[in-house]
Amino acid sequence: MSTASSRHMERVASLGCVVCRRILGRPYVPANAHHCFDSADRSDWLTIPLCPDHHQGANGFHGMGERAFNRMFKTSERVLLGMTIEDLAK
């Protein structure tokens, strides 16, 4: 992992969980960077901030699976990535 991509992932995580903030209207919740899309397309630059619950927990992308997660939160990784890029630009 390059220094630039490490810094980018730290900035993404520092935003706080995108689901909590942008979809559920909650205040800042600490997050980790979740790599978007298929593992074959994995890039440190295509990451979104998800709290532990929304990342790997029972209500999480990996915990529920992508389809159930998208249905529950009426979103997709592409939409969440767009929100993340918008937040980084502020």
PDB file of N, CA and C in Angstrom:
ATOM      1  N   MET A   1       0.857  -1.171   0.000  1.00  0.00           N
ATOM      2  CA  MET A   1       0.000   0.000   0.000  1.00  0.00           C
ATOM      3  C   MET A   1       0.900   1.229   0.000  1.00  0.00           C
ATOM      4  N   SER A   2       0.622   2.155  -0.888  1.00  0.00           N
ATOM      5  CA  SER A   2       1.433   3.368  -0.958  1.00  0.00           C
ATOM      6  C   SER A   2       1.070   4.323   0.175  1.00  0.00           C
ATOM      7  N   THR A   3       1.976   5.253   0.423  1.00  0.00           N
ATOM      8  CA  THR A   3       1.728   6.257   1.453  1.00  0.00           C
ATOM      9  C   THR A   3       0.507   7.088   1.103  1.00  0.00           C
ATOM     10  N   ALA A   4       0.363   7.444  -0.172  1.00  0.00           N
ATOM     11  CA  ALA A   4      -0.781   8.257  -0.596  1.00  0.00           C
ATOM     12  C   ALA A   4      -2.094   7.513  -0.382  1.00  0.00           C
ATOM     13  N   SER A   5      -2.136   6.237  -0.727  1.00  0.00           N
ATOM     14  CA  SER A   5      -3.389   5.491  -0.545  1.00  0.00           C
ATOM     15  C   SER A   5      -3.676   5.277   0.934  1.00  0.00           C
ATOM     16  N   SER A   6      -2.633   5.105   1.750  1.00  0.00           N
ATOM     17  CA  SER A   6      -2.833   4.994   3.205  1.00  0.00           C
ATOM     18  C   SER A   6      -3.440   6.276   3.766  1.00  0.00           C
ATOM     19  N   ARG A   7      -2.916   7.415   3.336  1.00  0.00           N
ATOM     20  CA  ARG A   7      -3.461   8.705   3.792  1.00  0.00           C
ATOM     21  C   ARG A   7      -4.912   8.867   3.344  1.00  0.00           C
ATOM     22  N   HIS A   8      -5.192   8.439   2.118  1.00  0.00           N
ATOM     23  CA  HIS A   8      -6.567   8.537   1.615  1.00  0.00           C
ATOM     24  C   HIS A   8      -7.512   7.699   2.477  1.00  0.00           C
ATOM     25  N   MET A   9      -7.127   6.471   2.773  1.00  0.00           N
ATOM     26  CA  MET A   9      -7.989   5.603   3.580  1.00  0.00           C
ATOM     27  C   MET A   9      -8.169   6.160   4.991  1.00  0.00           C
ATOM     28  N   GLU A  10      -7.140   6.783   5.545  1.00  0.00           N
ATOM     29  CA  GLU A  10      -7.267   7.431   6.858  1.00  0.00           C
ATOM     30  C   GLU A  10      -8.250   8.593   6.787  1.00  0.00           C
ATOM     31  N   ARG A  11      -8.191   9.380   5.705  1.00  0.00           N
ATOM     32  CA  ARG A  11      -9.139  10.493   5.535  1.00  0.00           C
ATOM     33  C   ARG A  11     -10.565   9.970   5.409  1.00  0.00           C
ATOM     34  N   VAL A  12     -10.736   8.898   4.645  1.00  0.00           N
ATOM     35  CA  VAL A  12     -12.067   8.297   4.479  1.00  0.00           C
ATOM     36  C   VAL A  12     -12.598   7.859   5.845  1.00  0.00           C
ATOM     37  N   ALA A  13     -11.809   7.114   6.593  1.00  0.00           N
ATOM     38  CA  ALA A  13     -12.245   6.627   7.905  1.00  0.00           C
ATOM     39  C   ALA A  13     -12.555   7.785   8.851  1.00  0.00           C
ATOM     40  N   SER A  14     -11.792   8.878   8.751  1.00  0.00           N
ATOM     41  CA  SER A  14     -11.984  10.018   9.657  1.00  0.00           C
ATOM     42  C   SER A  14     -13.325  10.723   9.448  1.00  0.00           C
ATOM     43  N   LEU A  15     -13.993  10.469   8.327  1.00  0.00           N
ATOM     44  CA  LEU A  15     -15.305  11.077   8.073  1.00  0.00           C
ATOM     45  C   LEU A  15     -16.374  10.531   9.019  1.00  0.00           C
ATOM     46  N   GLY A  16     -16.172   9.328   9.509  1.00  0.00           N
ATOM     47  CA  GLY A  16     -17.206   8.655  10.287  1.00  0.00           C
ATOM     48  C   GLY A  16     -18.131   7.885   9.355  1.00  0.00           C
ATOM     49  N   CYS A  17     -18.873   6.972   9.895  1.00  0.00           N
ATOM     50  CA  CYS A  17     -19.717   6.064   9.108  1.00  0.00           C
ATOM     51  C   CYS A  17     -20.685   6.818   8.194  1.00  0.00           C
ATOM     52  N   VAL A  18     -20.592   6.544   6.902  1.00  0.00           N
ATOM     53  CA  VAL A  18     -21.443   7.212   5.922  1.00  0.00           C
ATOM     54  C   VAL A  18     -22.912   6.788   6.068  1.00  0.00           C
ATOM     55  N   VAL A  19     -23.153   5.562   6.478  1.00  0.00           N
ATOM     56  CA  VAL A  19     -24.542   5.109   6.665  1.00  0.00           C
ATOM     57  C   VAL A  19     -25.157   5.819   7.865  1.00  0.00           C
ATOM     58  N   CYS A  20     -24.424   5.849   8.972  1.00  0.00           N
ATOM     59  CA  CYS A  20     -24.937   6.522  10.171  1.00  0.00           C
ATOM     60  C   CYS A  20     -25.215   7.999   9.885  1.00  0.00           C
ATOM     61  N   ARG A  21     -24.253   8.686   9.284  1.00  0.00           N
ATOM     62  CA  ARG A  21     -24.373  10.138   9.083  1.00  0.00           C
ATOM     63  C   ARG A  21     -25.349  10.507   7.983  1.00  0.00           C
ATOM     64  N   ARG A  22     -25.166   9.915   6.808  1.00  0.00           N
ATOM     65  CA  ARG A  22     -25.895  10.389   5.632  1.00  0.00           C
ATOM     66  C   ARG A  22     -27.246   9.706   5.437  1.00  0.00           C
ATOM     67  N   ILE A  23     -27.401   8.484   5.914  1.00  0.00           N
ATOM     68  CA  ILE A  23     -28.666   7.771   5.702  1.00  0.00           C
ATOM     69  C   ILE A  23     -29.527   7.788   6.965  1.00  0.00           C
ATOM     70  N   LEU A  24     -28.918   7.543   8.110  1.00  0.00           N
ATOM     71  CA  LEU A  24     -29.679   7.469   9.359  1.00  0.00           C
ATOM     72  C   LEU A  24     -29.718   8.787  10.121  1.00  0.00           C
ATOM     73  N   GLY A  25     -28.948   9.792   9.701  1.00  0.00           N
ATOM     74  CA  GLY A  25     -28.966  11.109  10.337  1.00  0.00           C
ATOM     75  C   GLY A  25     -28.387  11.144  11.736  1.00  0.00           C
ATOM     76  N   ARG A  26     -27.499  10.219  12.031  1.00  0.00           N
ATOM     77  CA  ARG A  26     -26.867  10.169  13.349  1.00  0.00           C
ATOM     78  C   ARG A  26     -25.610  11.033  13.349  1.00  0.00           C
ATOM     79  N   PRO A  27     -25.117  11.381  14.530  1.00  0.00           N
ATOM     80  CA  PRO A  27     -23.853  12.121  14.595  1.00  0.00           C
ATOM     81  C   PRO A  27     -22.682  11.201  14.222  1.00  0.00           C
ATOM     82  N   TYR A  28     -21.500  11.767  14.268  1.00  0.00           N
ATOM     83  CA  TYR A  28     -20.271  11.051  13.932  1.00  0.00           C
ATOM     84  C   TYR A  28     -20.163   9.736  14.703  1.00  0.00           C
ATOM     85  N   VAL A  29     -19.889   8.664  13.971  1.00  0.00           N
ATOM     86  CA  VAL A  29     -19.605   7.346  14.553  1.00  0.00           C
ATOM     87  C   VAL A  29     -18.289   6.879  13.935  1.00  0.00           C
ATOM     88  N   PRO A  30     -17.280   6.528  14.747  1.00  0.00           N
ATOM     89  CA  PRO A  30     -15.984   6.097  14.204  1.00  0.00           C
ATOM     90  C   PRO A  30     -16.141   4.972  13.175  1.00  0.00           C
ATOM     91  N   ALA A  31     -15.271   5.006  12.171  1.00  0.00           N
ATOM     92  CA  ALA A  31     -15.398   4.069  11.057  1.00  0.00           C
ATOM     93  C   ALA A  31     -14.045   3.534  10.602  1.00  0.00           C
ATOM     94  N   ASN A  32     -14.128   2.474   9.822  1.00  0.00           N
ATOM     95  CA  ASN A  32     -12.989   1.917   9.096  1.00  0.00           C
ATOM     96  C   ASN A  32     -13.294   2.063   7.604  1.00  0.00           C
ATOM     97  N   ALA A  33     -12.266   2.003   6.778  1.00  0.00           N
ATOM     98  CA  ALA A  33     -12.458   2.080   5.330  1.00  0.00           C
ATOM     99  C   ALA A  33     -12.873   0.708   4.797  1.00  0.00           C
ATOM    100  N   HIS A  34     -13.990   0.664   4.100  1.00  0.00           N
ATOM    101  CA  HIS A  34     -14.501  -0.549   3.452  1.00  0.00           C
ATOM    102  C   HIS A  34     -14.182  -0.447   1.963  1.00  0.00           C
ATOM    103  N   HIS A  35     -13.536  -1.469   1.416  1.00  0.00           N
ATOM    104  CA  HIS A  35     -13.233  -1.502  -0.013  1.00  0.00           C
ATOM    105  C   HIS A  35     -14.498  -1.836  -0.795  1.00  0.00           C
ATOM    106  N   CYS A  36     -14.808  -1.013  -1.762  1.00  0.00           N
ATOM    107  CA  CYS A  36     -16.016  -1.199  -2.573  1.00  0.00           C
ATOM    108  C   CYS A  36     -15.773  -2.161  -3.734  1.00  0.00           C
ATOM    109  N   PHE A  37     -16.842  -2.758  -4.149  1.00  0.00           N
ATOM    110  CA  PHE A  37     -16.909  -3.579  -5.350  1.00  0.00           C
ATOM    111  C   PHE A  37     -16.189  -4.915  -5.196  1.00  0.00           C
ATOM    112  N   ASP A  38     -16.203  -5.677  -6.251  1.00  0.00           N
ATOM    113  CA  ASP A  38     -15.641  -7.022  -6.282  1.00  0.00           C
ATOM    114  C   ASP A  38     -14.163  -7.006  -5.912  1.00  0.00           C
ATOM    115  N   SER A  39     -13.723  -8.049  -5.240  1.00  0.00           N
ATOM    116  CA  SER A  39     -12.319  -8.109  -4.816  1.00  0.00           C
ATOM    117  C   SER A  39     -11.354  -8.045  -5.993  1.00  0.00           C
ATOM    118  N   ALA A  40     -11.786  -8.438  -7.180  1.00  0.00           N
ATOM    119  CA  ALA A  40     -10.936  -8.343  -8.364  1.00  0.00           C
ATOM    120  C   ALA A  40     -10.671  -6.873  -8.722  1.00  0.00           C
ATOM    121  N   ASP A  41     -11.583  -5.986  -8.330  1.00  0.00           N
ATOM    122  CA  ASP A  41     -11.460  -4.554  -8.610  1.00  0.00           C
ATOM    123  C   ASP A  41     -10.981  -3.776  -7.395  1.00  0.00           C
ATOM    124  N   ARG A  42     -10.513  -4.459  -6.376  1.00  0.00           N
ATOM    125  CA  ARG A  42     -10.159  -3.832  -5.101  1.00  0.00           C
ATOM    126  C   ARG A  42      -9.128  -2.722  -5.290  1.00  0.00           C
ATOM    127  N   SER A  43      -9.470  -1.574  -4.755  1.00  0.00           N
ATOM    128  CA  SER A  43      -8.564  -0.428  -4.798  1.00  0.00           C
ATOM    129  C   SER A  43      -8.709   0.352  -3.503  1.00  0.00           C
ATOM    130  N   ASP A  44      -7.590   0.766  -2.924  1.00  0.00           N
ATOM    131  CA  ASP A  44      -7.637   1.579  -1.712  1.00  0.00           C
ATOM    132  C   ASP A  44      -8.291   2.932  -1.974  1.00  0.00           C
ATOM    133  N   TRP A  45      -8.378   3.328  -3.227  1.00  0.00           N
ATOM    134  CA  TRP A  45      -8.972   4.618  -3.588  1.00  0.00           C
ATOM    135  C   TRP A  45     -10.488   4.524  -3.680  1.00  0.00           C
ATOM    136  N   LEU A  46     -11.026   3.331  -3.749  1.00  0.00           N
ATOM    137  CA  LEU A  46     -12.475   3.119  -3.835  1.00  0.00           C
ATOM    138  C   LEU A  46     -12.969   2.564  -2.511  1.00  0.00           C
ATOM    139  N   THR A  47     -12.961   3.421  -1.491  1.00  0.00           N
ATOM    140  CA  THR A  47     -13.342   3.005  -0.152  1.00  0.00           C
ATOM    141  C   THR A  47     -14.380   3.952   0.435  1.00  0.00           C
ATOM    142  N   ILE A  48     -15.186   3.416   1.338  1.00  0.00           N
ATOM    143  CA  ILE A  48     -16.200   4.198   2.040  1.00  0.00           C
ATOM    144  C   ILE A  48     -16.040   3.964   3.540  1.00  0.00           C
ATOM    145  N   PRO A  49     -16.419   4.941   4.367  1.00  0.00           N
ATOM    146  CA  PRO A  49     -16.306   4.761   5.813  1.00  0.00           C
ATOM    147  C   PRO A  49     -17.534   4.052   6.388  1.00  0.00           C
ATOM    148  N   LEU A  50     -17.302   2.925   7.030  1.00  0.00           N
ATOM    149  CA  LEU A  50     -18.384   2.190   7.689  1.00  0.00           C
ATOM    150  C   LEU A  50     -17.969   1.878   9.124  1.00  0.00           C
ATOM    151  N   CYS A  51     -18.899   2.071  10.064  1.00  0.00           N
ATOM    152  CA  CYS A  51     -18.657   1.704  11.453  1.00  0.00           C
ATOM    153  C   CYS A  51     -18.626   0.173  11.540  1.00  0.00           C
ATOM    154  N   PRO A  52     -18.132  -0.384  12.646  1.00  0.00           N
ATOM    155  CA  PRO A  52     -18.080  -1.848  12.761  1.00  0.00           C
ATOM    156  C   PRO A  52     -19.433  -2.534  12.531  1.00  0.00           C
ATOM    157  N   ASP A  53     -20.522  -1.946  13.026  1.00  0.00           N
ATOM    158  CA  ASP A  53     -21.840  -2.562  12.840  1.00  0.00           C
ATOM    159  C   ASP A  53     -22.250  -2.575  11.367  1.00  0.00           C
ATOM    160  N   HIS A  54     -22.030  -1.474  10.658  1.00  0.00           N
ATOM    161  CA  HIS A  54     -22.428  -1.401   9.250  1.00  0.00           C
ATOM    162  C   HIS A  54     -21.400  -2.014   8.299  1.00  0.00           C
ATOM    163  N   HIS A  55     -20.250  -2.384   8.834  1.00  0.00           N
ATOM    164  CA  HIS A  55     -19.230  -3.034   8.012  1.00  0.00           C
ATOM    165  C   HIS A  55     -19.343  -4.554   8.125  1.00  0.00           C
ATOM    166  N   GLN A  56     -19.136  -5.074   9.334  1.00  0.00           N
ATOM    167  CA  GLN A  56     -19.102  -6.525   9.503  1.00  0.00           C
ATOM    168  C   GLN A  56     -20.079  -7.052  10.545  1.00  0.00           C
ATOM    169  N   GLY A  57     -20.867  -6.172  11.142  1.00  0.00           N
ATOM    170  CA  GLY A  57     -21.816  -6.584  12.169  1.00  0.00           C
ATOM    171  C   GLY A  57     -23.086  -7.189  11.598  1.00  0.00           C
ATOM    172  N   ALA A  58     -24.031  -7.451  12.475  1.00  0.00           N
ATOM    173  CA  ALA A  58     -25.307  -8.050  12.069  1.00  0.00           C
ATOM    174  C   ALA A  58     -26.058  -7.173  11.074  1.00  0.00           C
ATOM    175  N   ASN A  59     -25.886  -5.852  11.157  1.00  0.00           N
ATOM    176  CA  ASN A  59     -26.515  -4.916  10.215  1.00  0.00           C
ATOM    177  C   ASN A  59     -25.510  -4.420   9.184  1.00  0.00           C
ATOM    178  N   GLY A  60     -24.462  -5.204   8.949  1.00  0.00           N
ATOM    179  CA  GLY A  60     -23.369  -4.754   8.104  1.00  0.00           C
ATOM    180  C   GLY A  60     -23.348  -5.352   6.720  1.00  0.00           C
ATOM    181  N   PHE A  61     -22.562  -4.710   5.883  1.00  0.00           N
ATOM    182  CA  PHE A  61     -22.405  -5.134   4.490  1.00  0.00           C
ATOM    183  C   PHE A  61     -21.953  -6.589   4.423  1.00  0.00           C
ATOM    184  N   HIS A  62     -20.945  -6.945   5.202  1.00  0.00           N
ATOM    185  CA  HIS A  62     -20.445  -8.323   5.179  1.00  0.00           C
ATOM    186  C   HIS A  62     -21.299  -9.246   6.046  1.00  0.00           C
ATOM    187  N   GLY A  63     -21.903  -8.706   7.086  1.00  0.00           N
ATOM    188  CA  GLY A  63     -22.735  -9.515   7.962  1.00  0.00           C
ATOM    189  C   GLY A  63     -24.040  -9.959   7.315  1.00  0.00           C
ATOM    190  N   MET A  64     -24.670  -9.052   6.565  1.00  0.00           N
ATOM    191  CA  MET A  64     -25.956  -9.340   5.925  1.00  0.00           C
ATOM    192  C   MET A  64     -25.806  -9.825   4.485  1.00  0.00           C
ATOM    193  N   GLY A  65     -24.720  -9.407   3.872  1.00  0.00           N
ATOM    194  CA  GLY A  65     -24.559  -9.612   2.439  1.00  0.00           C
ATOM    195  C   GLY A  65     -24.993  -8.350   1.707  1.00  0.00           C
ATOM    196  N   GLU A  66     -24.417  -8.153   0.553  1.00  0.00           N
ATOM    197  CA  GLU A  66     -24.633  -6.914  -0.212  1.00  0.00           C
ATOM    198  C   GLU A  66     -26.092  -6.652  -0.542  1.00  0.00           C
ATOM    199  N   ARG A  67     -26.804  -7.642  -1.036  1.00  0.00           N
ATOM    200  CA  ARG A  67     -28.194  -7.421  -1.456  1.00  0.00           C
ATOM    201  C   ARG A  67     -29.090  -7.024  -0.288  1.00  0.00           C
ATOM    202  N   ALA A  68     -28.973  -7.731   0.829  1.00  0.00           N
ATOM    203  CA  ALA A  68     -29.795  -7.415   2.003  1.00  0.00           C
ATOM    204  C   ALA A  68     -29.423  -6.039   2.561  1.00  0.00           C
ATOM    205  N   PHE A  69     -28.123  -5.719   2.598  1.00  0.00           N
ATOM    206  CA  PHE A  69     -27.652  -4.419   3.072  1.00  0.00           C
ATOM    207  C   PHE A  69     -28.236  -3.297   2.204  1.00  0.00           C
ATOM    208  N   ASN A  70     -28.127  -3.445   0.892  1.00  0.00           N
ATOM    209  CA  ASN A  70     -28.647  -2.425  -0.018  1.00  0.00           C
ATOM    210  C   ASN A  70     -30.157  -2.256   0.133  1.00  0.00           C
ATOM    211  N   ARG A  71     -30.846  -3.352   0.298  1.00  0.00           N
ATOM    212  CA  ARG A  71     -32.304  -3.302   0.455  1.00  0.00           C
ATOM    213  C   ARG A  71     -32.670  -2.624   1.776  1.00  0.00           C
ATOM    214  N   MET A  72     -31.985  -2.980   2.855  1.00  0.00           N
ATOM    215  CA  MET A  72     -32.295  -2.416   4.169  1.00  0.00           C
ATOM    216  C   MET A  72     -32.083  -0.901   4.197  1.00  0.00           C
ATOM    217  N   PHE A  73     -30.984  -0.442   3.596  1.00  0.00           N
ATOM    218  CA  PHE A  73     -30.649   0.977   3.667  1.00  0.00           C
ATOM    219  C   PHE A  73     -31.007   1.748   2.395  1.00  0.00           C
ATOM    220  N   LYS A  74     -31.645   1.047   1.436  1.00  0.00           N
ATOM    221  CA  LYS A  74     -32.080   1.667   0.179  1.00  0.00           C
ATOM    222  C   LYS A  74     -30.936   2.438  -0.479  1.00  0.00           C
ATOM    223  N   THR A  75     -29.821   1.729  -0.674  1.00  0.00           N
ATOM    224  CA  THR A  75     -28.618   2.347  -1.220  1.00  0.00           C
ATOM    225  C   THR A  75     -27.792   1.308  -1.957  1.00  0.00           C
ATOM    226  N   SER A  76     -26.592   1.689  -2.355  1.00  0.00           N
ATOM    227  CA  SER A  76     -25.626   0.784  -2.979  1.00  0.00           C
ATOM    228  C   SER A  76     -24.225   1.307  -2.696  1.00  0.00           C
ATOM    229  N   GLU A  77     -23.228   0.466  -2.961  1.00  0.00           N
ATOM    230  CA  GLU A  77     -21.856   0.922  -2.767  1.00  0.00           C
ATOM    231  C   GLU A  77     -21.555   2.135  -3.643  1.00  0.00           C
ATOM    232  N   ARG A  78     -22.093   2.170  -4.844  1.00  0.00           N
ATOM    233  CA  ARG A  78     -21.849   3.310  -5.739  1.00  0.00           C
ATOM    234  C   ARG A  78     -22.405   4.601  -5.140  1.00  0.00           C
ATOM    235  N   VAL A  79     -23.597   4.539  -4.610  1.00  0.00           N
ATOM    236  CA  VAL A  79     -24.205   5.721  -3.986  1.00  0.00           C
ATOM    237  C   VAL A  79     -23.387   6.152  -2.772  1.00  0.00           C
ATOM    238  N   LEU A  80     -23.007   5.202  -1.927  1.00  0.00           N
ATOM    239  CA  LEU A  80     -22.217   5.521  -0.738  1.00  0.00           C
ATOM    240  C   LEU A  80     -20.839   6.057  -1.113  1.00  0.00           C
ATOM    241  N   LEU A  81     -20.247   5.540  -2.186  1.00  0.00           N
ATOM    242  CA  LEU A  81     -18.963   6.052  -2.657  1.00  0.00           C
ATOM    243  C   LEU A  81     -19.124   7.493  -3.141  1.00  0.00           C
ATOM    244  N   GLY A  82     -20.208   7.786  -3.840  1.00  0.00           N
ATOM    245  CA  GLY A  82     -20.475   9.159  -4.267  1.00  0.00           C
ATOM    246  C   GLY A  82     -20.611  10.100  -3.082  1.00  0.00           C
ATOM    247  N   MET A  83     -21.324   9.679  -2.056  1.00  0.00           N
ATOM    248  CA  MET A  83     -21.466  10.500  -0.842  1.00  0.00           C
ATOM    249  C   MET A  83     -20.114  10.727  -0.185  1.00  0.00           C
ATOM    250  N   THR A  84     -19.278   9.687  -0.161  1.00  0.00           N
ATOM    251  CA  THR A  84     -17.953   9.786   0.442  1.00  0.00           C
ATOM    252  C   THR A  84     -17.084  10.777  -0.321  1.00  0.00           C
ATOM    253  N   ILE A  85     -17.093  10.694  -1.635  1.00  0.00           N
ATOM    254  CA  ILE A  85     -16.304  11.624  -2.445  1.00  0.00           C
ATOM    255  C   ILE A  85     -16.786  13.057  -2.216  1.00  0.00           C
ATOM    256  N   GLU A  86     -18.095  13.226  -2.150  1.00  0.00           N
ATOM    257  CA  GLU A  86     -18.661  14.552  -1.879  1.00  0.00           C
ATOM    258  C   GLU A  86     -18.187  15.073  -0.517  1.00  0.00           C
ATOM    259  N   ASP A  87     -18.225  14.213   0.499  1.00  0.00           N
ATOM    260  CA  ASP A  87     -17.789  14.607   1.837  1.00  0.00           C
ATOM    261  C   ASP A  87     -16.295  14.952   1.868  1.00  0.00           C
ATOM    262  N   LEU A  88     -15.497  14.210   1.124  1.00  0.00           N
ATOM    263  CA  LEU A  88     -14.053  14.494   1.076  1.00  0.00           C
ATOM    264  C   LEU A  88     -13.770  15.826   0.392  1.00  0.00           C
ATOM    265  N   ALA A  89     -14.638  16.227  -0.518  1.00  0.00           N
ATOM    266  CA  ALA A  89     -14.433  17.476  -1.268  1.00  0.00           C
ATOM    267  C   ALA A  89     -14.797  18.712  -0.454  1.00  0.00           C
ATOM    268  N   LYS A  90     -15.524  18.525   0.641  1.00  0.00           N
ATOM    269  CA  LYS A  90     -15.967  19.669   1.460  1.00  0.00           C
ATOM    270  C   LYS A  90     -14.818  20.267   2.241  1.00  0.00           C
TER     271      LYS A  90
END
